[in-house]
């Protein structure tokens, strides 16, 4: 890819976020866009690495494979989602009580 724009590859569970990433200035592809819908995790990781894409996934196994194969990736874990939601709740409703 050289020095061109960094591109994202969205795993299947994040395909619906493509337009949002584009609005935020990212060039985003989905696994469907590149013909990998339903493909094995390894094949998706290898595709991302071969095309210098940053893989966005919620799949721990896929993230582990990306780490092993030294592919670029971001793991959006359930814990990360909960932390983001917690921060937004606290920001929007500072008087909300917790247990």
C-alpha atoms as a PDB file:
ATOM      1  CA  UNK A   1       0.000   0.000   0.000  1.00  0.00           C
ATOM      2  CA  UNK A   2       2.950   2.327   0.384  1.00  0.00           C
ATOM      3  CA  UNK A   3       2.290   5.743   1.851  1.00  0.00           C
ATOM      4  CA  UNK A   4      -1.374   5.911   0.836  1.00  0.00           C
ATOM      5  CA  UNK A   5      -4.336   6.201   3.140  1.00  0.00           C
ATOM      6  CA  UNK A   6      -4.562   3.643   5.920  1.00  0.00           C
ATOM      7  CA  UNK A   7      -7.481   1.302   5.304  1.00  0.00           C
ATOM      8  CA  UNK A   8      -9.567  -0.683   7.733  1.00  0.00           C
ATOM      9  CA  UNK A   9     -10.965  -4.177   7.252  1.00  0.00           C
ATOM     10  CA  UNK A  10     -14.151  -4.652   9.261  1.00  0.00           C
ATOM     11  CA  UNK A  11     -14.922  -8.173  10.417  1.00  0.00           C
ATOM     12  CA  UNK A  12     -18.478  -9.394   9.800  1.00  0.00           C
ATOM     13  CA  UNK A  13     -19.913  -8.172  13.112  1.00  0.00           C
ATOM     14  CA  UNK A  14     -18.783  -4.617  12.302  1.00  0.00           C
ATOM     15  CA  UNK A  15     -19.843  -4.398   8.650  1.00  0.00           C
ATOM     16  CA  UNK A  16     -22.698  -2.092   9.644  1.00  0.00           C
ATOM     17  CA  UNK A  17     -20.170   0.456  10.922  1.00  0.00           C
ATOM     18  CA  UNK A  18     -18.556   1.033   7.520  1.00  0.00           C
ATOM     19  CA  UNK A  19     -20.391   4.305   6.832  1.00  0.00           C
ATOM     20  CA  UNK A  20     -19.591   5.611  10.315  1.00  0.00           C
ATOM     21  CA  UNK A  21     -15.873   4.965   9.856  1.00  0.00           C
ATOM     22  CA  UNK A  22     -16.053   6.669   6.463  1.00  0.00           C
ATOM     23  CA  UNK A  23     -17.728   9.707   8.046  1.00  0.00           C
ATOM     24  CA  UNK A  24     -14.843   9.770  10.526  1.00  0.00           C
ATOM     25  CA  UNK A  25     -12.366   9.905   7.639  1.00  0.00           C
ATOM     26  CA  UNK A  26     -11.317   6.257   7.350  1.00  0.00           C
ATOM     27  CA  UNK A  27     -11.365   4.200   4.192  1.00  0.00           C
ATOM     28  CA  UNK A  28     -13.154   1.064   5.332  1.00  0.00           C
ATOM     29  CA  UNK A  29     -13.696  -2.274   3.656  1.00  0.00           C
ATOM     30  CA  UNK A  30     -15.820  -5.108   4.976  1.00  0.00           C
ATOM     31  CA  UNK A  31     -15.076  -8.800   4.685  1.00  0.00           C
ATOM     32  CA  UNK A  32     -18.089  -8.899   2.354  1.00  0.00           C
ATOM     33  CA  UNK A  33     -16.514  -6.200   0.141  1.00  0.00           C
ATOM     34  CA  UNK A  34     -13.402  -8.321  -0.364  1.00  0.00           C
ATOM     35  CA  UNK A  35     -15.224 -11.632  -0.866  1.00  0.00           C
ATOM     36  CA  UNK A  36     -14.384 -13.141   2.516  1.00  0.00           C
ATOM     37  CA  UNK A  37     -17.845 -13.400   4.106  1.00  0.00           C
ATOM     38  CA  UNK A  38     -17.964 -16.692   6.013  1.00  0.00           C
ATOM     39  CA  UNK A  39     -14.221 -17.267   5.475  1.00  0.00           C
ATOM     40  CA  UNK A  40     -11.951 -18.843   8.070  1.00  0.00           C
ATOM     41  CA  UNK A  41     -10.423 -16.439  10.582  1.00  0.00           C
ATOM     42  CA  UNK A  42      -6.924 -17.271   9.342  1.00  0.00           C
ATOM     43  CA  UNK A  43      -7.824 -16.345   5.759  1.00  0.00           C
ATOM     44  CA  UNK A  44      -9.220 -12.984   6.857  1.00  0.00           C
ATOM     45  CA  UNK A  45      -6.116 -12.224   8.926  1.00  0.00           C
ATOM     46  CA  UNK A  46      -3.817 -13.213   6.060  1.00  0.00           C
ATOM     47  CA  UNK A  47      -5.790 -10.990   3.675  1.00  0.00           C
ATOM     48  CA  UNK A  48      -5.534  -8.044   6.068  1.00  0.00           C
ATOM     49  CA  UNK A  49      -1.787  -8.571   6.422  1.00  0.00           C
ATOM     50  CA  UNK A  50      -1.181  -9.002   2.690  1.00  0.00           C
ATOM     51  CA  UNK A  51      -3.052  -5.761   1.935  1.00  0.00           C
ATOM     52  CA  UNK A  52      -1.682  -3.801   4.932  1.00  0.00           C
ATOM     53  CA  UNK A  53      -5.169  -3.300   6.385  1.00  0.00           C
ATOM     54  CA  UNK A  54      -6.013  -2.738  10.043  1.00  0.00           C
ATOM     55  CA  UNK A  55      -8.423  -5.495  11.022  1.00  0.00           C
ATOM     56  CA  UNK A  56     -11.257  -4.414  13.337  1.00  0.00           C
ATOM     57  CA  UNK A  57     -12.761  -7.386  15.165  1.00  0.00           C
ATOM     58  CA  UNK A  58     -14.504  -8.525  18.328  1.00  0.00           C
ATOM     59  CA  UNK A  59     -13.210 -12.079  17.841  1.00  0.00           C
ATOM     60  CA  UNK A  60     -10.462 -12.904  20.365  1.00  0.00           C
ATOM     61  CA  UNK A  61      -9.252 -15.884  18.316  1.00  0.00           C
ATOM     62  CA  UNK A  62      -8.874 -13.706  15.225  1.00  0.00           C
ATOM     63  CA  UNK A  63      -7.000 -11.074  17.252  1.00  0.00           C
ATOM     64  CA  UNK A  64      -4.690 -13.780  18.606  1.00  0.00           C
ATOM     65  CA  UNK A  65      -4.000 -14.985  15.062  1.00  0.00           C
ATOM     66  CA  UNK A  66      -3.299 -11.418  13.938  1.00  0.00           C
ATOM     67  CA  UNK A  67      -0.846 -11.036  16.817  1.00  0.00           C
ATOM     68  CA  UNK A  68       0.938 -14.279  15.885  1.00  0.00           C
ATOM     69  CA  UNK A  69       1.065 -13.366  12.192  1.00  0.00           C
ATOM     70  CA  UNK A  70       2.067  -9.763  12.995  1.00  0.00           C
ATOM     71  CA  UNK A  71      -0.935  -8.314  11.185  1.00  0.00           C
ATOM     72  CA  UNK A  72      -2.389  -4.961  12.222  1.00  0.00           C
ATOM     73  CA  UNK A  73      -5.587  -5.268  14.262  1.00  0.00           C
ATOM     74  CA  UNK A  74      -7.789  -3.684  16.910  1.00  0.00           C
ATOM     75  CA  UNK A  75      -9.734  -5.980  19.231  1.00  0.00           C
ATOM     76  CA  UNK A  76     -13.004  -4.434  20.374  1.00  0.00           C
ATOM     77  CA  UNK A  77     -13.643  -6.583  23.437  1.00  0.00           C
ATOM     78  CA  UNK A  78     -16.833  -6.733  25.468  1.00  0.00           C
ATOM     79  CA  UNK A  79     -14.887  -5.162  28.334  1.00  0.00           C
ATOM     80  CA  UNK A  80     -13.888  -2.233  26.130  1.00  0.00           C
ATOM     81  CA  UNK A  81     -17.495  -1.733  25.030  1.00  0.00           C
ATOM     82  CA  UNK A  82     -18.619  -1.768  28.688  1.00  0.00           C
ATOM     83  CA  UNK A  83     -15.955   0.820  29.620  1.00  0.00           C
ATOM     84  CA  UNK A  84     -17.028   3.108  26.771  1.00  0.00           C
ATOM     85  CA  UNK A  85     -20.694   2.760  27.782  1.00  0.00           C
ATOM     86  CA  UNK A  86     -19.801   3.438  31.432  1.00  0.00           C
ATOM     87  CA  UNK A  87     -17.906   6.606  30.491  1.00  0.00           C
ATOM     88  CA  UNK A  88     -20.800   7.838  28.351  1.00  0.00           C
ATOM     89  CA  UNK A  89     -23.344   7.117  31.107  1.00  0.00           C
ATOM     90  CA  UNK A  90     -21.226   9.035  33.638  1.00  0.00           C
ATOM     91  CA  UNK A  91     -20.767  11.915  31.182  1.00  0.00           C
ATOM     92  CA  UNK A  92     -24.431  12.174  30.228  1.00  0.00           C
ATOM     93  CA  UNK A  93     -25.909  11.431  33.671  1.00  0.00           C
ATOM     94  CA  UNK A  94     -23.348  12.565  36.275  1.00  0.00           C
ATOM     95  CA  UNK A  95     -25.891  12.208  39.100  1.00  0.00           C
ATOM     96  CA  UNK A  96     -26.681   8.561  38.282  1.00  0.00           C
ATOM     97  CA  UNK A  97     -26.241   6.274  41.285  1.00  0.00           C
ATOM     98  CA  UNK A  98     -24.353   2.991  41.237  1.00  0.00           C
ATOM     99  CA  UNK A  99     -24.643  -0.005  43.535  1.00  0.00           C
END
